[in-house]
Protein backbone atom coordinates (compact mmCIF):
# COMPACT_ATOMS: atom_id res chain seq x y z
CA MET A 1 -171.66 2.97 -0.56
CA LEU A 2 -169.01 4.01 1.97
CA TYR A 3 -170.53 1.56 4.46
CA VAL A 4 -170.04 -1.31 1.97
CA VAL A 5 -166.44 -0.23 1.33
CA LYS A 6 -165.80 -0.23 5.09
CA ILE A 7 -167.17 -3.76 5.42
CA LEU A 8 -165.14 -5.04 2.46
CA ILE A 9 -161.88 -3.53 3.72
CA SER A 10 -162.47 -4.85 7.25
CA ALA A 11 -163.35 -8.35 6.04
CA THR A 12 -160.36 -8.38 3.70
CA LEU A 13 -158.07 -7.46 6.56
CA ILE A 14 -159.37 -10.29 8.76
CA VAL A 15 -159.07 -12.83 5.94
CA LEU A 16 -155.54 -11.60 5.10
CA ILE A 17 -154.38 -12.02 8.68
CA SER A 18 -155.91 -15.48 9.07
CA GLU A 19 -154.42 -16.64 5.75
CA LEU A 20 -150.99 -15.29 6.69
CA ALA A 21 -151.23 -17.05 10.06
CA LYS A 22 -151.86 -20.37 8.26
CA LYS A 23 -148.52 -20.00 6.51
CA SER A 24 -146.63 -18.51 9.44
CA ALA A 25 -148.01 -17.89 12.91
CA HIS A 26 -145.34 -15.24 13.46
CA LEU A 27 -146.13 -13.37 10.25
CA GLY A 28 -149.85 -13.46 11.04
CA ALA A 29 -149.09 -12.18 14.55
CA ILE A 30 -146.97 -9.32 13.22
CA VAL A 31 -149.66 -8.17 10.80
CA GLY A 32 -152.38 -8.76 13.41
CA SER A 33 -150.52 -6.67 15.95
CA LEU A 34 -150.23 -3.69 13.63
CA PRO A 35 -152.70 -0.92 14.40
CA LEU A 36 -154.35 -1.42 11.00
CA VAL A 37 -157.87 -1.37 12.40
CA SER A 38 -157.15 1.86 14.24
CA LEU A 39 -155.56 3.41 11.16
CA ILE A 40 -158.62 2.54 9.11
CA ALA A 41 -161.00 3.77 11.83
CA ILE A 42 -159.11 7.07 12.18
CA THR A 43 -159.20 7.53 8.42
CA TRP A 44 -162.98 6.96 8.33
CA MET A 45 -163.40 9.35 11.28
CA PHE A 46 -161.33 11.99 9.52
CA TYR A 47 -163.45 11.92 6.39
CA GLU A 48 -166.83 11.47 8.08
CA SER A 49 -166.31 14.14 10.75
CA ASN A 50 -164.75 16.75 8.47
CA GLY A 51 -161.39 16.43 10.23
CA ASP A 52 -162.63 16.56 13.85
CA ILE A 53 -159.20 16.53 15.53
CA LYS A 54 -160.60 16.23 19.06
CA ARG A 55 -162.50 13.06 18.16
CA MET A 56 -159.37 11.49 16.64
CA GLN A 57 -157.27 12.50 19.66
CA ASP A 58 -159.80 11.03 22.10
CA TYR A 59 -159.97 7.83 20.06
CA SER A 60 -156.17 7.47 19.94
CA ILE A 61 -155.78 8.05 23.69
CA GLY A 62 -158.58 5.57 24.39
CA VAL A 63 -156.97 2.92 22.19
CA PHE A 64 -153.66 3.40 23.99
CA TRP A 65 -155.20 2.80 27.41
CA TYR A 66 -157.46 -0.05 26.26
CA VAL A 67 -154.60 -1.92 24.59
CA LEU A 68 -152.96 -2.43 27.97
CA PRO A 69 -155.69 -4.61 29.52
CA SER A 70 -156.14 -6.47 26.21
CA LEU A 71 -152.64 -7.87 26.72
CA VAL A 72 -154.09 -10.03 29.50
CA PHE A 73 -155.86 -12.09 26.84
CA PHE A 74 -152.70 -12.70 24.83
CA LEU A 75 -150.80 -13.88 27.90
CA LEU A 76 -153.54 -15.93 29.51
CA PHE A 77 -155.04 -17.63 26.44
CA PRO A 78 -151.93 -19.61 25.40
CA ALA A 79 -151.27 -20.55 29.04
CA CYS A 80 -154.83 -21.87 29.42
CA LEU A 81 -154.51 -23.92 26.22
CA ASN A 82 -151.94 -26.10 28.01
CA LYS A 83 -154.60 -27.28 30.46
CA LEU A 84 -158.01 -26.54 28.96
CA PRO A 85 -159.79 -27.06 25.64
CA PHE A 86 -160.02 -24.18 23.17
CA TRP A 87 -163.42 -22.83 24.22
CA GLY A 88 -162.62 -23.03 27.93
CA SER A 89 -159.37 -21.18 27.32
CA MET A 90 -161.18 -18.59 25.21
CA LEU A 91 -163.82 -18.08 27.91
CA ILE A 92 -161.36 -17.71 30.79
CA ALA A 93 -159.00 -15.42 28.87
CA SER A 94 -161.92 -13.28 27.65
CA ALA A 95 -163.43 -13.01 31.14
CA ALA A 96 -160.07 -12.07 32.64
CA THR A 97 -159.60 -9.47 29.91
CA PHE A 98 -163.04 -8.01 30.63
CA LEU A 99 -162.10 -7.73 34.31
CA ALA A 100 -158.82 -6.08 33.31
CA TYR A 101 -160.79 -3.52 31.27
CA LEU A 102 -162.99 -2.77 34.27
CA ALA A 103 -159.93 -2.44 36.50
CA MET A 104 -158.29 -0.08 33.99
CA VAL A 105 -161.34 2.17 33.80
CA TRP A 106 -161.68 2.15 37.60
CA GLY A 107 -157.95 2.77 38.12
CA LEU A 108 -157.80 5.63 35.64
CA GLY A 109 -160.92 7.10 37.23
CA LYS A 110 -159.09 7.21 40.57
CA PHE A 111 -156.58 9.53 38.89
CA GLY A 112 -159.30 11.71 37.39
CA MET A 113 -159.05 10.31 33.87
CA LYS A 114 -162.30 9.35 32.22
CA LEU A 115 -162.35 7.25 29.05
């Protein structure tokens, strides 16, 4: 039953953000940029792991570091849309973001940090 509740809450969140973005791109962006998914995931982790603090700490630190390379997508995608069709822009921005993730993991590894 909890699995179904998770799916319903997640789907509702995605629909809410897309509907808000139809009315106002800025409002949709504000709600979409909130760490709602992380808050929900941490809540599920808390209840399912009997309050495993270490797991929640590791998750939070990982999200912090992985948010940084994800910003590549949000800068590159709108720039690509000026010159390329939607799917081409999506592909290039996604590929560049993937490379940024790899670079982040490699770079952090050079400093002894393993995600």
